[in-house]
Protein backbone atom coordinates (compact mmCIF):
# COMPACT_ATOMS: atom_id res chain seq x y z
CA MET A 1 2.29 -12.60 -30.60
CA LEU A 2 0.56 -13.44 -27.32
CA PRO A 3 -2.60 -11.49 -26.40
CA VAL A 4 -2.20 -8.79 -23.77
CA SER A 5 -3.72 -9.77 -20.44
CA GLN A 6 -6.16 -7.20 -19.07
CA LEU A 7 -6.95 -6.60 -15.43
CA THR A 8 -10.61 -6.64 -14.50
CA PRO A 9 -11.44 -3.67 -12.25
CA LEU A 10 -12.92 -4.54 -8.86
CA ASP A 11 -16.30 -3.10 -7.90
CA ASN A 12 -14.87 -2.61 -4.40
CA PRO A 13 -11.19 -1.82 -5.03
CA LEU A 14 -8.27 -2.47 -2.74
CA THR A 15 -6.90 0.51 -0.83
CA LEU A 16 -3.15 1.02 -0.46
CA VAL A 17 -2.31 2.99 2.67
CA LEU A 18 1.13 4.54 3.19
CA VAL A 19 1.85 5.66 6.75
CA SER A 20 4.45 8.45 6.91
CA PRO A 21 6.21 7.76 3.60
CA GLN A 22 9.49 9.68 3.31
CA ILE A 23 10.73 9.30 -0.27
CA PRO A 24 8.73 11.08 -3.01
CA PRO A 25 9.58 8.69 -5.89
CA ASN A 26 8.36 5.69 -3.86
CA THR A 27 5.00 7.33 -3.24
CA GLY A 28 4.85 8.41 -6.88
CA ASN A 29 5.49 4.82 -7.97
CA VAL A 30 2.71 3.60 -5.68
CA ALA A 31 0.37 6.22 -7.17
CA ARG A 32 1.22 4.94 -10.63
CA LEU A 33 0.54 1.37 -9.44
CA CYS A 34 -2.86 2.53 -8.15
CA ALA A 35 -3.68 4.13 -11.48
CA VAL A 36 -2.93 0.99 -13.51
CA THR A 37 -4.62 -1.43 -11.07
CA GLY A 38 -7.64 0.59 -9.91
CA CYS A 39 -6.48 0.54 -6.29
CA LYS A 40 -7.19 3.56 -4.09
CA LEU A 41 -4.37 5.46 -2.39
CA MET A 42 -4.46 6.91 1.11
CA LEU A 43 -1.56 8.73 2.75
CA VAL A 44 -1.20 9.18 6.51
CA GLU A 45 0.83 12.13 7.78
CA PRO A 46 3.41 13.15 8.66
CA LEU A 47 4.89 12.85 5.19
CA GLY A 48 8.56 13.39 4.43
CA PHE A 49 7.66 15.64 1.50
CA SER A 50 4.93 17.84 0.06
CA ILE A 51 2.35 16.14 -2.14
CA ALA A 52 3.12 18.92 -4.61
CA ASP A 53 6.76 17.71 -4.79
CA LYS A 54 7.99 17.55 -8.40
CA GLU A 55 9.76 14.19 -7.79
CA LEU A 56 6.49 12.76 -6.54
CA LYS A 57 4.62 14.07 -9.58
CA ARG A 58 7.34 12.88 -11.97
CA ALA A 59 7.26 9.32 -10.58
CA GLY A 60 3.47 9.23 -10.96
CA LEU A 61 3.76 10.76 -14.44
CA ASP A 62 0.43 11.59 -15.97
CA TYR A 63 -1.55 9.18 -13.78
CA TRP A 64 -2.40 11.49 -10.88
CA ASP A 65 -5.86 12.28 -12.23
CA LYS A 66 -6.65 8.54 -12.18
CA VAL A 67 -5.68 7.99 -8.52
CA PHE A 68 -8.15 8.31 -5.67
CA LEU A 69 -5.98 10.06 -3.10
CA LYS A 70 -7.00 10.87 0.44
CA LEU A 71 -4.69 12.47 2.96
CA TYR A 72 -5.13 11.89 6.71
CA PRO A 73 -3.47 13.97 9.44
CA SER A 74 -2.85 10.91 11.65
CA TRP A 75 -3.26 7.15 11.99
CA SER A 76 -6.18 7.64 14.39
CA ALA A 77 -7.95 9.90 11.87
CA TYR A 78 -7.49 7.27 9.14
CA VAL A 79 -8.79 4.47 11.41
CA ALA A 80 -11.79 6.55 12.54
CA ASP A 81 -12.73 7.30 8.92
CA ASN A 82 -12.29 3.66 7.89
CA ALA A 83 -13.51 1.87 11.00
CA GLN A 84 -15.06 -1.07 9.15
CA ALA A 85 -12.07 -1.71 6.86
CA ARG A 86 -10.34 -5.06 6.91
CA ARG A 87 -6.65 -4.14 7.26
CA PHE A 88 -3.39 -5.96 6.65
CA LEU A 89 -0.36 -4.31 8.27
CA PHE A 90 2.84 -5.17 6.40
CA THR A 91 6.18 -5.47 8.16
CA ALA A 92 9.46 -7.17 7.35
CA ARG A 93 9.81 -8.74 10.77
CA VAL A 94 6.80 -10.77 11.94
CA GLY A 95 3.29 -11.85 11.07
CA THR A 96 1.41 -14.21 8.83
CA GLY A 97 3.13 -14.80 5.51
CA LEU A 98 1.77 -13.16 2.37
CA TRP A 99 1.26 -16.55 0.74
CA GLN A 100 -0.98 -17.69 3.61
CA THR A 101 -3.07 -14.52 3.51
CA ARG A 102 -6.45 -14.53 1.75
CA PHE A 103 -7.59 -11.15 0.52
CA GLU A 104 -11.08 -9.82 -0.14
CA ALA A 105 -12.27 -6.95 -2.31
CA GLY A 106 -12.09 -3.68 -0.40
CA ASP A 107 -9.20 -4.70 1.85
CA HIS A 108 -6.79 -2.03 3.06
CA LEU A 109 -3.11 -2.92 2.61
CA VAL A 110 -1.03 -0.79 5.00
CA PHE A 111 2.70 -0.01 4.73
CA GLY A 112 5.05 2.09 6.85
CA ALA A 113 7.86 4.53 6.24
CA GLU A 114 10.86 3.44 4.20
CA THR A 115 13.34 3.80 7.06
CA THR A 116 11.29 2.70 10.07
CA GLY A 117 8.33 0.66 8.84
CA LEU A 118 5.04 0.82 10.70
CA PRO A 119 5.21 2.26 14.22
CA ALA A 120 4.79 -0.16 17.15
CA GLU A 121 1.49 1.46 18.15
CA VAL A 122 0.09 0.62 14.69
CA LEU A 123 1.42 -2.95 14.65
CA GLU A 124 0.33 -3.64 18.22
CA GLY A 125 -2.89 -1.60 18.22
CA GLY A 126 -5.24 -4.37 17.10
CA GLN A 127 -6.36 -2.45 14.00
CA GLY A 128 -5.29 -5.08 11.46
CA ALA A 129 -3.60 -8.39 10.75
CA VAL A 130 0.19 -8.19 10.89
CA THR A 131 1.52 -9.68 7.67
CA THR A 132 4.94 -10.17 6.11
CA ILE A 133 6.40 -10.75 2.66
CA PRO A 134 8.61 -13.87 2.51
CA MET A 135 12.31 -13.01 2.19
CA LEU A 136 15.62 -14.78 2.65
CA GLU A 137 17.06 -14.66 6.16
CA ASP A 138 19.42 -11.85 7.13
CA ARG A 139 17.93 -9.41 4.60
CA ARG A 140 16.66 -6.08 5.93
CA SER A 141 13.65 -5.36 3.72
CA LEU A 142 12.29 -4.61 0.27
CA ASN A 143 11.99 -1.13 -1.18
CA LEU A 144 8.61 0.35 -0.21
CA SER A 145 7.20 0.67 -3.72
CA THR A 146 8.43 -2.84 -4.59
CA ALA A 147 6.78 -4.29 -1.47
CA VAL A 148 3.50 -2.52 -2.23
CA GLY A 149 3.60 -3.82 -5.81
CA VAL A 150 4.27 -7.40 -4.72
CA VAL A 151 1.39 -7.35 -2.23
CA ALA A 152 -1.07 -5.52 -4.48
CA TYR A 153 -0.56 -7.93 -7.35
CA GLU A 154 -0.82 -10.98 -5.10
CA ALA A 155 -4.14 -9.65 -3.78
CA LEU A 156 -5.32 -8.88 -7.32
CA ARG A 157 -4.22 -12.34 -8.49
CA GLN A 158 -6.41 -13.87 -5.80
CA LEU A 159 -9.36 -11.62 -6.54
CA CYS A 160 -9.22 -11.31 -10.35
CA GLY A 161 -7.31 -14.41 -11.43
């Protein structure tokens, strides 16, 4: 039997930021991802659900006590509170490819709503590097929690591998 590979926790963890997520199980899955990787989780309102939602809790299972969760009332409030953060803004349409991106400990990885992605004012506001996950042409996008998982593990591979 092969030995189980362990993840080394970062002294300055990555932060996963969801802007206006709409589907509770996706956010719950991201919370679970944060718990098993040591990433922090920040949510930017408006949300499409209550953070007390039972579907959200169920998807995160018993990991909620291990997730650093901060809720912001708006994008501007998040940016003001994290002014020095190095941000990567993920979109399915444009930007530097994930494989060309070099991450650093403490980076903020930002994702938009499942149905609309990040708003234009976020993507065009100069508050981060617009980045994309490589996909085949003529495909709309990945599921939000899948996209967050792909990006988080690529960043962790670079930082911990």
